[in-house]
Amino acid sequence: MNLDPTVAARLKRDPNGLVPAVVQDAGSGRVLMVAWMSDESLALTLATRQATYWSRSRQELWRKGAISGHTQYVRTIEIDCDGDTLLLHVDQTGGACHTGENSCFDTGGEILASPVTKERSTND
């Protein structure tokens, strides 16, 4: 499947022809995961509304939830101002992470745990 040329022209890909995709829950706004998309995976996603990514480890297309049932129905896709990142708003069924967690960021792996205060942020 080929990507619409007008969409393809807006994208800046890495040397492997991939674009990072930030995946966000459409209801809560929570970031669920970050994945990679090729032109073909983006075209398939646009055609089916089922999130399809490029697996860098397996070097193949990966339809989210094809095996686990933890699917992502894509509501909208946005391209950032530089054309080098996509933002997918999805309805997530089951956990988004391969560990079964709702988000790949549910690991407690915070490296900066305290919030920045308004006063502090204006001094940067």
PDB file of N, CA and C in Angstrom:
ATOM      1  N   MET A   1       0.845  -1.170   0.000  1.00  0.00           N
ATOM      2  CA  MET A   1       0.000   0.000   0.000  1.00  0.00           C
ATOM      3  C   MET A   1       0.893   1.236   0.000  1.00  0.00           C
ATOM      4  N   ASN A   2       0.536   2.199  -0.814  1.00  0.00           N
ATOM      5  CA  ASN A   2       1.340   3.411  -0.947  1.00  0.00           C
ATOM      6  C   ASN A   2       0.731   4.562  -0.160  1.00  0.00           C
ATOM      7  N   LEU A   3       1.593   5.366   0.410  1.00  0.00           N
ATOM      8  CA  LEU A   3       1.182   6.543   1.154  1.00  0.00           C
ATOM      9  C   LEU A   3       0.834   7.660   0.182  1.00  0.00           C
ATOM     10  N   ASP A   4      -0.215   8.393   0.477  1.00  0.00           N
ATOM     11  CA  ASP A   4      -0.622   9.539  -0.334  1.00  0.00           C
ATOM     12  C   ASP A   4       0.587  10.463  -0.505  1.00  0.00           C
ATOM     13  N   PRO A   5       0.914  10.842  -1.741  1.00  0.00           N
ATOM     14  CA  PRO A   5       2.103  11.668  -1.992  1.00  0.00           C
ATOM     15  C   PRO A   5       2.099  13.008  -1.252  1.00  0.00           C
ATOM     16  N   THR A   6       0.928  13.592  -1.023  1.00  0.00           N
ATOM     17  CA  THR A   6       0.890  14.870  -0.303  1.00  0.00           C
ATOM     18  C   THR A   6       1.265  14.684   1.166  1.00  0.00           C
ATOM     19  N   VAL A   7       0.898  13.547   1.746  1.00  0.00           N
ATOM     20  CA  VAL A   7       1.297  13.239   3.124  1.00  0.00           C
ATOM     21  C   VAL A   7       2.780  12.885   3.147  1.00  0.00           C
ATOM     22  N   ALA A   8       3.204  12.055   2.217  1.00  0.00           N
ATOM     23  CA  ALA A   8       4.605  11.620   2.153  1.00  0.00           C
ATOM     24  C   ALA A   8       5.557  12.809   2.023  1.00  0.00           C
ATOM     25  N   ALA A   9       5.152  13.817   1.263  1.00  0.00           N
ATOM     26  CA  ALA A   9       6.003  14.983   1.044  1.00  0.00           C
ATOM     27  C   ALA A   9       6.215  15.797   2.319  1.00  0.00           C
ATOM     28  N   ARG A  10       5.311  15.683   3.262  1.00  0.00           N
ATOM     29  CA  ARG A  10       5.414  16.448   4.511  1.00  0.00           C
ATOM     30  C   ARG A  10       6.317  15.787   5.546  1.00  0.00           C
ATOM     31  N   LEU A  11       6.660  14.518   5.350  1.00  0.00           N
ATOM     32  CA  LEU A  11       7.398  13.764   6.360  1.00  0.00           C
ATOM     33  C   LEU A  11       8.907  13.837   6.171  1.00  0.00           C
ATOM     34  N   LYS A  12       9.607  13.966   7.279  1.00  0.00           N
ATOM     35  CA  LYS A  12      11.068  13.863   7.306  1.00  0.00           C
ATOM     36  C   LYS A  12      11.388  12.568   8.028  1.00  0.00           C
ATOM     37  N   ARG A  13      11.999  11.646   7.319  1.00  0.00           N
ATOM     38  CA  ARG A  13      12.269  10.322   7.860  1.00  0.00           C
ATOM     39  C   ARG A  13      13.716  10.192   8.316  1.00  0.00           C
ATOM     40  N   ASP A  14      13.966   9.206   9.179  1.00  0.00           N
ATOM     41  CA  ASP A  14      15.340   8.915   9.576  1.00  0.00           C
ATOM     42  C   ASP A  14      16.019   8.163   8.426  1.00  0.00           C
ATOM     43  N   PRO A  15      17.307   7.849   8.537  1.00  0.00           N
ATOM     44  CA  PRO A  15      18.002   7.156   7.439  1.00  0.00           C
ATOM     45  C   PRO A  15      17.388   5.804   7.058  1.00  0.00           C
ATOM     46  N   ASN A  16      16.595   5.219   7.958  1.00  0.00           N
ATOM     47  CA  ASN A  16      15.932   3.945   7.656  1.00  0.00           C
ATOM     48  C   ASN A  16      14.533   4.130   7.083  1.00  0.00           C
ATOM     49  N   GLY A  17      14.153   5.375   6.819  1.00  0.00           N
ATOM     50  CA  GLY A  17      12.843   5.646   6.244  1.00  0.00           C
ATOM     51  C   GLY A  17      11.712   5.637   7.255  1.00  0.00           C
ATOM     52  N   LEU A  18      12.047   5.830   8.527  1.00  0.00           N
ATOM     53  CA  LEU A  18      11.048   5.747   9.591  1.00  0.00           C
ATOM     54  C   LEU A  18      10.807   7.097  10.257  1.00  0.00           C
ATOM     55  N   VAL A  19       9.603   7.230  10.823  1.00  0.00           N
ATOM     56  CA  VAL A  19       9.212   8.419  11.567  1.00  0.00           C
ATOM     57  C   VAL A  19       8.725   7.963  12.944  1.00  0.00           C
ATOM     58  N   PRO A  20       9.187   8.610  14.029  1.00  0.00           N
ATOM     59  CA  PRO A  20       8.661   8.233  15.341  1.00  0.00           C
ATOM     60  C   PRO A  20       7.205   8.653  15.484  1.00  0.00           C
ATOM     61  N   ALA A  21       6.447   7.825  16.196  1.00  0.00           N
ATOM     62  CA  ALA A  21       5.033   8.094  16.436  1.00  0.00           C
ATOM     63  C   ALA A  21       4.767   8.053  17.934  1.00  0.00           C
ATOM     64  N   VAL A  22       4.334   9.177  18.467  1.00  0.00           N
ATOM     65  CA  VAL A  22       3.907   9.247  19.859  1.00  0.00           C
ATOM     66  C   VAL A  22       2.439   8.840  19.872  1.00  0.00           C
ATOM     67  N   VAL A  23       2.103   7.884  20.738  1.00  0.00           N
ATOM     68  CA  VAL A  23       0.742   7.351  20.773  1.00  0.00           C
ATOM     69  C   VAL A  23       0.088   7.779  22.080  1.00  0.00           C
ATOM     70  N   GLN A  24      -1.035   8.475  21.942  1.00  0.00           N
ATOM     71  CA  GLN A  24      -1.709   9.080  23.083  1.00  0.00           C
ATOM     72  C   GLN A  24      -3.139   8.552  23.181  1.00  0.00           C
ATOM     73  N   ASP A  25      -3.600   8.275  24.401  1.00  0.00           N
ATOM     74  CA  ASP A  25      -4.981   7.858  24.611  1.00  0.00           C
ATOM     75  C   ASP A  25      -5.903   9.028  24.270  1.00  0.00           C
ATOM     76  N   ALA A  26      -6.856   8.801  23.381  1.00  0.00           N
ATOM     77  CA  ALA A  26      -7.730   9.873  22.917  1.00  0.00           C
ATOM     78  C   ALA A  26      -8.617  10.418  24.030  1.00  0.00           C
ATOM     79  N   GLY A  27      -8.965   9.594  24.995  1.00  0.00           N
ATOM     80  CA  GLY A  27      -9.839  10.039  26.074  1.00  0.00           C
ATOM     81  C   GLY A  27      -9.115  10.769  27.181  1.00  0.00           C
ATOM     82  N   SER A  28      -8.042  10.189  27.678  1.00  0.00           N
ATOM     83  CA  SER A  28      -7.344  10.744  28.844  1.00  0.00           C
ATOM     84  C   SER A  28      -6.192  11.674  28.486  1.00  0.00           C
ATOM     85  N   GLY A  29      -5.666  11.551  27.277  1.00  0.00           N
ATOM     86  CA  GLY A  29      -4.499  12.337  26.889  1.00  0.00           C
ATOM     87  C   GLY A  29      -3.183  11.729  27.345  1.00  0.00           C
ATOM     88  N   ARG A  30      -3.233  10.615  28.044  1.00  0.00           N
ATOM     89  CA  ARG A  30      -2.021   9.951  28.545  1.00  0.00           C
ATOM     90  C   ARG A  30      -1.203   9.394  27.389  1.00  0.00           C
ATOM     91  N   VAL A  31       0.112   9.596  27.437  1.00  0.00           N
ATOM     92  CA  VAL A  31       0.994   8.999  26.440  1.00  0.00           C
ATOM     93  C   VAL A  31       1.097   7.511  26.749  1.00  0.00           C
ATOM     94  N   LEU A  32       0.791   6.697  25.750  1.00  0.00           N
ATOM     95  CA  LEU A  32       0.792   5.253  25.922  1.00  0.00           C
ATOM     96  C   LEU A  32       2.111   4.617  25.522  1.00  0.00           C
ATOM     97  N   MET A  33       2.684   5.087  24.424  1.00  0.00           N
ATOM     98  CA  MET A  33       3.891   4.454  23.902  1.00  0.00           C
ATOM     99  C   MET A  33       4.489   5.328  22.808  1.00  0.00           C
ATOM    100  N   VAL A  34       5.675   4.970  22.385  1.00  0.00           N
ATOM    101  CA  VAL A  34       6.322   5.562  21.220  1.00  0.00           C
ATOM    102  C   VAL A  34       6.700   4.405  20.314  1.00  0.00           C
ATOM    103  N   ALA A  35       6.371   4.537  19.041  1.00  0.00           N
ATOM    104  CA  ALA A  35       6.671   3.486  18.070  1.00  0.00           C
ATOM    105  C   ALA A  35       7.233   4.145  16.815  1.00  0.00           C
ATOM    106  N   TRP A  36       7.519   3.333  15.822  1.00  0.00           N
ATOM    107  CA  TRP A  36       8.070   3.826  14.561  1.00  0.00           C
ATOM    108  C   TRP A  36       7.133   3.467  13.424  1.00  0.00           C
ATOM    109  N   MET A  37       7.015   4.376  12.459  1.00  0.00           N
ATOM    110  CA  MET A  37       6.154   4.132  11.308  1.00  0.00           C
ATOM    111  C   MET A  37       6.937   4.322  10.016  1.00  0.00           C
ATOM    112  N   SER A  38       6.703   3.417   9.097  1.00  0.00           N
ATOM    113  CA  SER A  38       7.203   3.544   7.729  1.00  0.00           C
ATOM    114  C   SER A  38       6.072   4.141   6.892  1.00  0.00           C
ATOM    115  N   ASP A  39       6.365   4.496   5.656  1.00  0.00           N
ATOM    116  CA  ASP A  39       5.305   4.985   4.773  1.00  0.00           C
ATOM    117  C   ASP A  39       4.201   3.940   4.637  1.00  0.00           C
ATOM    118  N   GLU A  40       4.594   2.672   4.514  1.00  0.00           N
ATOM    119  CA  GLU A  40       3.600   1.612   4.349  1.00  0.00           C
ATOM    120  C   GLU A  40       2.746   1.435   5.603  1.00  0.00           C
ATOM    121  N   SER A  41       3.371   1.469   6.768  1.00  0.00           N
ATOM    122  CA  SER A  41       2.580   1.295   7.994  1.00  0.00           C
ATOM    123  C   SER A  41       1.637   2.478   8.213  1.00  0.00           C
ATOM    124  N   LEU A  42       2.077   3.675   7.860  1.00  0.00           N
ATOM    125  CA  LEU A  42       1.206   4.844   7.970  1.00  0.00           C
ATOM    126  C   LEU A  42       0.050   4.740   6.982  1.00  0.00           C
ATOM    127  N   ALA A  43       0.331   4.313   5.763  1.00  0.00           N
ATOM    128  CA  ALA A  43      -0.731   4.145   4.763  1.00  0.00           C
ATOM    129  C   ALA A  43      -1.761   3.116   5.226  1.00  0.00           C
ATOM    130  N   LEU A  44      -1.292   2.004   5.782  1.00  0.00           N
ATOM    131  CA  LEU A  44      -2.211   0.979   6.297  1.00  0.00           C
ATOM    132  C   LEU A  44      -3.043   1.513   7.459  1.00  0.00           C
ATOM    133  N   THR A  45      -2.409   2.271   8.328  1.00  0.00           N
ATOM    134  CA  THR A  45      -3.120   2.859   9.462  1.00  0.00           C
ATOM    135  C   THR A  45      -4.196   3.822   8.976  1.00  0.00           C
ATOM    136  N   LEU A  46      -3.863   4.651   8.012  1.00  0.00           N
ATOM    137  CA  LEU A  46      -4.839   5.599   7.474  1.00  0.00           C
ATOM    138  C   LEU A  46      -6.005   4.881   6.795  1.00  0.00           C
ATOM    139  N   ALA A  47      -5.720   3.778   6.130  1.00  0.00           N
ATOM    140  CA  ALA A  47      -6.755   3.037   5.403  1.00  0.00           C
ATOM    141  C   ALA A  47      -7.677   2.246   6.325  1.00  0.00           C
ATOM    142  N   THR A  48      -7.133   1.741   7.438  1.00  0.00           N
ATOM    143  CA  THR A  48      -7.901   0.822   8.290  1.00  0.00           C
ATOM    144  C   THR A  48      -8.281   1.393   9.651  1.00  0.00           C
ATOM    145  N   ARG A  49      -7.591   2.462  10.066  1.00  0.00           N
ATOM    146  CA  ARG A  49      -7.721   3.032  11.412  1.00  0.00           C
ATOM    147  C   ARG A  49      -7.250   2.074  12.506  1.00  0.00           C
ATOM    148  N   GLN A  50      -6.597   0.995  12.130  1.00  0.00           N
ATOM    149  CA  GLN A  50      -5.949   0.091  13.082  1.00  0.00           C
ATOM    150  C   GLN A  50      -4.465   0.447  13.094  1.00  0.00           C
ATOM    151  N   ALA A  51      -3.945   0.827  14.261  1.00  0.00           N
ATOM    152  CA  ALA A  51      -2.555   1.267  14.348  1.00  0.00           C
ATOM    153  C   ALA A  51      -1.616   0.164  13.876  1.00  0.00           C
ATOM    154  N   THR A  52      -0.808   0.511  12.883  1.00  0.00           N
ATOM    155  CA  THR A  52       0.176  -0.410  12.322  1.00  0.00           C
ATOM    156  C   THR A  52       1.522   0.299  12.328  1.00  0.00           C
ATOM    157  N   TYR A  53       2.517  -0.353  12.866  1.00  0.00           N
ATOM    158  CA  TYR A  53       3.839   0.232  13.027  1.00  0.00           C
ATOM    159  C   TYR A  53       4.882  -0.605  12.291  1.00  0.00           C
ATOM    160  N   TRP A  54       6.128  -0.119  12.333  1.00  0.00           N
ATOM    161  CA  TRP A  54       7.255  -0.871  11.811  1.00  0.00           C
ATOM    162  C   TRP A  54       8.069  -1.365  12.999  1.00  0.00           C
ATOM    163  N   SER A  55       8.239  -2.669  13.098  1.00  0.00           N
ATOM    164  CA  SER A  55       9.045  -3.253  14.166  1.00  0.00           C
ATOM    165  C   SER A  55      10.509  -3.213  13.750  1.00  0.00           C
ATOM    166  N   ARG A  56      11.308  -2.425  14.455  1.00  0.00           N
ATOM    167  CA  ARG A  56      12.730  -2.338  14.128  1.00  0.00           C
ATOM    168  C   ARG A  56      13.459  -3.617  14.500  1.00  0.00           C
ATOM    169  N   SER A  57      13.012  -4.311  15.542  1.00  0.00           N
ATOM    170  CA  SER A  57      13.688  -5.549  15.946  1.00  0.00           C
ATOM    171  C   SER A  57      13.367  -6.706  15.005  1.00  0.00           C
ATOM    172  N   ARG A  58      12.123  -6.787  14.552  1.00  0.00           N
ATOM    173  CA  ARG A  58      11.728  -7.888  13.661  1.00  0.00           C
ATOM    174  C   ARG A  58      11.821  -7.512  12.181  1.00  0.00           C
ATOM    175  N   GLN A  59      12.005  -6.223  11.912  1.00  0.00           N
ATOM    176  CA  GLN A  59      12.088  -5.732  10.535  1.00  0.00           C
ATOM    177  C   GLN A  59      10.851  -6.123   9.718  1.00  0.00           C
ATOM    178  N   GLU A  60       9.673  -5.838  10.312  1.00  0.00           N
ATOM    179  CA  GLU A  60       8.418  -6.145   9.626  1.00  0.00           C
ATOM    180  C   GLU A  60       7.297  -5.260  10.147  1.00  0.00           C
ATOM    181  N   LEU A  61       6.219  -5.207   9.364  1.00  0.00           N
ATOM    182  CA  LEU A  61       5.037  -4.488   9.805  1.00  0.00           C
ATOM    183  C   LEU A  61       4.459  -5.163  11.039  1.00  0.00           C
ATOM    184  N   TRP A  62       3.886  -4.343  11.917  1.00  0.00           N
ATOM    185  CA  TRP A  62       3.353  -4.832  13.180  1.00  0.00           C
ATOM    186  C   TRP A  62       2.034  -4.122  13.444  1.00  0.00           C
ATOM    187  N   ARG A  63       0.926  -4.856  13.282  1.00  0.00           N
ATOM    188  CA  ARG A  63      -0.382  -4.289  13.603  1.00  0.00           C
ATOM    189  C   ARG A  63      -0.609  -4.470  15.091  1.00  0.00           C
ATOM    190  N   LYS A  64      -0.719  -3.378  15.803  1.00  0.00           N
ATOM    191  CA  LYS A  64      -0.851  -3.412  17.258  1.00  0.00           C
ATOM    192  C   LYS A  64      -2.066  -4.240  17.651  1.00  0.00           C
ATOM    193  N   GLY A  65      -1.822  -5.261  18.466  1.00  0.00           N
ATOM    194  CA  GLY A  65      -2.892  -6.105  18.972  1.00  0.00           C
ATOM    195  C   GLY A  65      -3.239  -7.298  18.117  1.00  0.00           C
ATOM    196  N   ALA A  66      -2.528  -7.510  17.016  1.00  0.00           N
ATOM    197  CA  ALA A  66      -2.835  -8.642  16.130  1.00  0.00           C
ATOM    198  C   ALA A  66      -2.745  -9.966  16.874  1.00  0.00           C
ATOM    199  N   ILE A  67      -1.819 -10.083  17.803  1.00  0.00           N
ATOM    200  CA  ILE A  67      -1.653 -11.321  18.571  1.00  0.00           C
ATOM    201  C   ILE A  67      -2.296 -11.193  19.955  1.00  0.00           C
ATOM    202  N   SER A  68      -2.056 -10.081  20.636  1.00  0.00           N
ATOM    203  CA  SER A  68      -2.518  -9.912  22.022  1.00  0.00           C
ATOM    204  C   SER A  68      -3.987  -9.529  22.135  1.00  0.00           C
ATOM    205  N   GLY A  69      -4.528  -8.939  21.081  1.00  0.00           N
ATOM    206  CA  GLY A  69      -5.888  -8.403  21.162  1.00  0.00           C
ATOM    207  C   GLY A  69      -5.933  -6.998  21.734  1.00  0.00           C
ATOM    208  N   HIS A  70      -4.775  -6.448  22.105  1.00  0.00           N
ATOM    209  CA  HIS A  70      -4.686  -5.105  22.673  1.00  0.00           C
ATOM    210  C   HIS A  70      -4.544  -4.095  21.535  1.00  0.00           C
ATOM    211  N   THR A  71      -5.650  -3.833  20.879  1.00  0.00           N
ATOM    212  CA  THR A  71      -5.651  -3.038  19.656  1.00  0.00           C
ATOM    213  C   THR A  71      -5.707  -1.541  19.930  1.00  0.00           C
ATOM    214  N   GLN A  72      -5.384  -0.789  18.887  1.00  0.00           N
ATOM    215  CA  GLN A  72      -5.483   0.663  18.934  1.00  0.00           C
ATOM    216  C   GLN A  72      -6.301   1.125  17.737  1.00  0.00           C
ATOM    217  N   TYR A  73      -7.472   1.692  18.014  1.00  0.00           N
ATOM    218  CA  TYR A  73      -8.293   2.299  16.974  1.00  0.00           C
ATOM    219  C   TYR A  73      -7.864   3.754  16.872  1.00  0.00           C
ATOM    220  N   VAL A  74      -7.441   4.172  15.696  1.00  0.00           N
ATOM    221  CA  VAL A  74      -6.870   5.504  15.517  1.00  0.00           C
ATOM    222  C   VAL A  74      -7.970   6.506  15.188  1.00  0.00           C
ATOM    223  N   ARG A  75      -8.101   7.498  16.050  1.00  0.00           N
ATOM    224  CA  ARG A  75      -9.077   8.571  15.815  1.00  0.00           C
ATOM    225  C   ARG A  75      -8.496   9.662  14.927  1.00  0.00           C
ATOM    226  N   THR A  76      -7.296  10.138  15.287  1.00  0.00           N
ATOM    227  CA  THR A  76      -6.653  11.196  14.504  1.00  0.00           C
ATOM    228  C   THR A  76      -5.147  10.968  14.476  1.00  0.00           C
ATOM    229  N   ILE A  77      -4.526  11.539  13.454  1.00  0.00           N
ATOM    230  CA  ILE A  77      -3.064  11.553  13.348  1.00  0.00           C
ATOM    231  C   ILE A  77      -2.655  12.975  13.009  1.00  0.00           C
ATOM    232  N   GLU A  78      -1.676  13.477  13.740  1.00  0.00           N
ATOM    233  CA  GLU A  78      -1.139  14.811  13.484  1.00  0.00           C
ATOM    234  C   GLU A  78       0.338  14.701  13.126  1.00  0.00           C
ATOM    235  N   ILE A  79       0.793  15.618  12.283  1.00  0.00           N
ATOM    236  CA  ILE A  79       2.215  15.729  11.941  1.00  0.00           C
ATOM    237  C   ILE A  79       2.741  16.968  12.648  1.00  0.00           C
ATOM    238  N   ASP A  80       3.888  16.860  13.307  1.00  0.00           N
ATOM    239  CA  ASP A  80       4.418  18.020  14.018  1.00  0.00           C
ATOM    240  C   ASP A  80       4.948  19.071  13.047  1.00  0.00           C
ATOM    241  N   CYS A  81       5.322  20.229  13.594  1.00  0.00           N
ATOM    242  CA  CYS A  81       5.715  21.384  12.786  1.00  0.00           C
ATOM    243  C   CYS A  81       6.931  21.120  11.907  1.00  0.00           C
ATOM    244  N   ASP A  82       7.812  20.214  12.321  1.00  0.00           N
ATOM    245  CA  ASP A  82       9.000  19.893  11.530  1.00  0.00           C
ATOM    246  C   ASP A  82       8.775  18.737  10.565  1.00  0.00           C
ATOM    247  N   GLY A  83       7.661  18.048  10.703  1.00  0.00           N
ATOM    248  CA  GLY A  83       7.375  16.900   9.844  1.00  0.00           C
ATOM    249  C   GLY A  83       8.151  15.652  10.217  1.00  0.00           C
ATOM    250  N   ASP A  84       8.786  15.671  11.415  1.00  0.00           N
ATOM    251  CA  ASP A  84       9.622  14.520  11.769  1.00  0.00           C
ATOM    252  C   ASP A  84       9.066  13.667  12.910  1.00  0.00           C
ATOM    253  N   THR A  85       7.830  13.940  13.321  1.00  0.00           N
ATOM    254  CA  THR A  85       7.179  13.142  14.360  1.00  0.00           C
ATOM    255  C   THR A  85       5.678  13.133  14.112  1.00  0.00           C
ATOM    256  N   LEU A  86       5.074  11.975  14.380  1.00  0.00           N
ATOM    257  CA  LEU A  86       3.624  11.837  14.280  1.00  0.00           C
ATOM    258  C   LEU A  86       3.034  11.724  15.676  1.00  0.00           C
ATOM    259  N   LEU A  87       1.795  12.180  15.820  1.00  0.00           N
ATOM    260  CA  LEU A  87       1.044  12.029  17.063  1.00  0.00           C
ATOM    261  C   LEU A  87      -0.260  11.321  16.731  1.00  0.00           C
ATOM    262  N   LEU A  88      -0.421  10.116  17.290  1.00  0.00           N
ATOM    263  CA  LEU A  88      -1.634   9.341  17.074  1.00  0.00           C
ATOM    264  C   LEU A  88      -2.501   9.421  18.318  1.00  0.00           C
ATOM    265  N   HIS A  89      -3.778   9.755  18.137  1.00  0.00           N
ATOM    266  CA  HIS A  89      -4.764   9.713  19.213  1.00  0.00           C
ATOM    267  C   HIS A  89      -5.561   8.439  19.004  1.00  0.00           C
ATOM    268  N   VAL A  90      -5.541   7.548  19.997  1.00  0.00           N
ATOM    269  CA  VAL A  90      -6.130   6.221  19.813  1.00  0.00           C
ATOM    270  C   VAL A  90      -7.106   5.871  20.932  1.00  0.00           C
ATOM    271  N   ASP A  91      -8.009   4.955  20.601  1.00  0.00           N
ATOM    272  CA  ASP A  91      -8.812   4.261  21.602  1.00  0.00           C
ATOM    273  C   ASP A  91      -8.099   2.942  21.845  1.00  0.00           C
ATOM    274  N   GLN A  92      -7.552   2.784  23.033  1.00  0.00           N
ATOM    275  CA  GLN A  92      -6.758   1.610  23.381  1.00  0.00           C
ATOM    276  C   GLN A  92      -7.641   0.529  23.979  1.00  0.00           C
ATOM    277  N   THR A  93      -7.518  -0.691  23.481  1.00  0.00           N
ATOM    278  CA  THR A  93      -8.162  -1.858  24.076  1.00  0.00           C
ATOM    279  C   THR A  93      -7.079  -2.676  24.757  1.00  0.00           C
ATOM    280  N   GLY A  94      -7.203  -2.891  26.072  1.00  0.00           N
ATOM    281  CA  GLY A  94      -6.173  -3.621  26.805  1.00  0.00           C
ATOM    282  C   GLY A  94      -4.952  -2.741  27.024  1.00  0.00           C
ATOM    283  N   GLY A  95      -3.860  -3.349  27.441  1.00  0.00           N
ATOM    284  CA  GLY A  95      -2.631  -2.615  27.701  1.00  0.00           C
ATOM    285  C   GLY A  95      -1.903  -2.249  26.421  1.00  0.00           C
ATOM    286  N   ALA A  96      -1.330  -1.064  26.396  1.00  0.00           N
ATOM    287  CA  ALA A  96      -0.559  -0.634  25.230  1.00  0.00           C
ATOM    288  C   ALA A  96       0.849  -1.216  25.239  1.00  0.00           C
ATOM    289  N   CYS A  97       1.375  -1.472  26.436  1.00  0.00           N
ATOM    290  CA  CYS A  97       2.749  -1.957  26.563  1.00  0.00           C
ATOM    291  C   CYS A  97       2.816  -3.475  26.402  1.00  0.00           C
ATOM    292  N   HIS A  98       3.940  -3.957  25.893  1.00  0.00           N
ATOM    293  CA  HIS A  98       4.122  -5.404  25.738  1.00  0.00           C
ATOM    294  C   HIS A  98       4.142  -6.130  27.086  1.00  0.00           C
ATOM    295  N   THR A  99       4.327  -5.375  28.178  1.00  0.00           N
ATOM    296  CA  THR A  99       4.306  -5.971  29.519  1.00  0.00           C
ATOM    297  C   THR A  99       2.888  -6.172  30.033  1.00  0.00           C
ATOM    298  N   GLY A 100       1.914  -5.609  29.306  1.00  0.00           N
ATOM    299  CA  GLY A 100       0.523  -5.682  29.736  1.00  0.00           C
ATOM    300  C   GLY A 100       0.048  -4.429  30.450  1.00  0.00           C
ATOM    301  N   GLU A 101       0.984  -3.534  30.790  1.00  0.00           N
ATOM    302  CA  GLU A 101       0.608  -2.274  31.437  1.00  0.00           C
ATOM    303  C   GLU A 101      -0.148  -1.393  30.453  1.00  0.00           C
ATOM    304  N   ASN A 102      -0.954  -0.481  31.003  1.00  0.00           N
ATOM    305  CA  ASN A 102      -1.720   0.435  30.168  1.00  0.00           C
ATOM    306  C   ASN A 102      -0.812   1.299  29.310  1.00  0.00           C
ATOM    307  N   SER A 103       0.295   1.745  29.879  1.00  0.00           N
ATOM    308  CA  SER A 103       1.233   2.620  29.184  1.00  0.00           C
ATOM    309  C   SER A 103       2.648   2.074  29.336  1.00  0.00           C
ATOM    310  N   CYS A 104       3.469   2.300  28.347  1.00  0.00           N
ATOM    311  CA  CYS A 104       4.884   1.927  28.452  1.00  0.00           C
ATOM    312  C   CYS A 104       5.600   2.807  29.474  1.00  0.00           C
ATOM    313  N   PHE A 105       4.925   3.855  29.930  1.00  0.00           N
ATOM    314  CA  PHE A 105       5.499   4.770  30.907  1.00  0.00           C
ATOM    315  C   PHE A 105       4.937   4.532  32.306  1.00  0.00           C
ATOM    316  N   ASP A 106       4.340   3.369  32.550  1.00  0.00           N
ATOM    317  CA  ASP A 106       3.808   3.002  33.862  1.00  0.00           C
ATOM    318  C   ASP A 106       4.816   2.229  34.699  1.00  0.00           C
ATOM    319  N   THR A 107       6.082   2.362  34.426  1.00  0.00           N
ATOM    320  CA  THR A 107       7.089   1.524  35.079  1.00  0.00           C
ATOM    321  C   THR A 107       7.619   2.097  36.381  1.00  0.00           C
ATOM    322  N   GLY A 108       7.225   3.310  36.740  1.00  0.00           N
ATOM    323  CA  GLY A 108       7.806   3.943  37.925  1.00  0.00           C
ATOM    324  C   GLY A 108       9.216   4.416  37.655  1.00  0.00           C
ATOM    325  N   GLY A 109       9.567   4.527  36.398  1.00  0.00           N
ATOM    326  CA  GLY A 109      10.918   4.896  36.019  1.00  0.00           C
ATOM    327  C   GLY A 109      11.131   6.388  35.887  1.00  0.00           C
ATOM    328  N   GLU A 110      10.502   7.168  36.755  1.00  0.00           N
ATOM    329  CA  GLU A 110      10.673   8.616  36.693  1.00  0.00           C
ATOM    330  C   GLU A 110      12.118   8.983  36.992  1.00  0.00           C
ATOM    331  N   ILE A 111      12.669   9.882  36.198  1.00  0.00           N
ATOM    332  CA  ILE A 111      14.030  10.343  36.469  1.00  0.00           C
ATOM    333  C   ILE A 111      14.029  11.774  37.001  1.00  0.00           C
ATOM    334  N   LEU A 112      12.901  12.461  36.868  1.00  0.00           N
ATOM    335  CA  LEU A 112      12.706  13.777  37.470  1.00  0.00           C
ATOM    336  C   LEU A 112      11.305  13.753  38.052  1.00  0.00           C
ATOM    337  N   ALA A 113      11.218  13.438  39.328  1.00  0.00           N
ATOM    338  CA  ALA A 113       9.925  13.158  39.941  1.00  0.00           C
ATOM    339  C   ALA A 113       9.207  14.394  40.463  1.00  0.00           C
ATOM    340  N   SER A 114       9.927  15.452  40.822  1.00  0.00           N
ATOM    341  CA  SER A 114       9.245  16.617  41.385  1.00  0.00           C
ATOM    342  C   SER A 114       8.839  17.572  40.271  1.00  0.00           C
ATOM    343  N   PRO A 115       7.625  18.112  40.344  1.00  0.00           N
ATOM    344  CA  PRO A 115       7.163  19.025  39.296  1.00  0.00           C
ATOM    345  C   PRO A 115       7.894  20.362  39.362  1.00  0.00           C
ATOM    346  N   VAL A 116       8.011  21.007  38.232  1.00  0.00           N
ATOM    347  CA  VAL A 116       8.605  22.334  38.157  1.00  0.00           C
ATOM    348  C   VAL A 116       7.530  23.340  38.538  1.00  0.00           C
ATOM    349  N   THR A 117       7.868  24.268  39.426  1.00  0.00           N
ATOM    350  CA  THR A 117       6.900  25.295  39.812  1.00  0.00           C
ATOM    351  C   THR A 117       6.924  26.415  38.792  1.00  0.00           C
ATOM    352  N   LYS A 118       5.849  27.181  38.750  1.00  0.00           N
ATOM    353  CA  LYS A 118       5.765  28.287  37.806  1.00  0.00           C
ATOM    354  C   LYS A 118       6.890  29.286  38.049  1.00  0.00           C
ATOM    355  N   GLU A 119       7.152  29.610  39.316  1.00  0.00           N
ATOM    356  CA  GLU A 119       8.210  30.555  39.664  1.00  0.00           C
ATOM    357  C   GLU A 119       9.556  30.061  39.158  1.00  0.00           C
ATOM    358  N   ARG A 120       9.818  28.802  39.356  1.00  0.00           N
ATOM    359  CA  ARG A 120      11.103  28.226  38.947  1.00  0.00           C
ATOM    360  C   ARG A 120      11.244  28.195  37.430  1.00  0.00           C
ATOM    361  N   SER A 121      10.163  27.897  36.719  1.00  0.00           N
ATOM    362  CA  SER A 121      10.257  27.756  35.270  1.00  0.00           C
ATOM    363  C   SER A 121      10.478  29.092  34.573  1.00  0.00           C
ATOM    364  N   THR A 122      10.082  30.219  35.180  1.00  0.00           N
ATOM    365  CA  THR A 122      10.276  31.517  34.544  1.00  0.00           C
ATOM    366  C   THR A 122      11.708  32.008  34.664  1.00  0.00           C
ATOM    367  N   ASN A 123      12.510  31.370  35.491  1.00  0.00           N
ATOM    368  CA  ASN A 123      13.901  31.778  35.672  1.00  0.00           C
ATOM    369  C   ASN A 123      14.858  31.085  34.715  1.00  0.00           C
ATOM    370  N   ASP A 124      14.349  30.247  33.830  1.00  0.00           N
ATOM    371  CA  ASP A 124      15.222  29.511  32.898  1.00  0.00           C
ATOM    372  C   ASP A 124      15.723  30.391  31.787  1.00  0.00           C
TER     373      ASP A 124
END
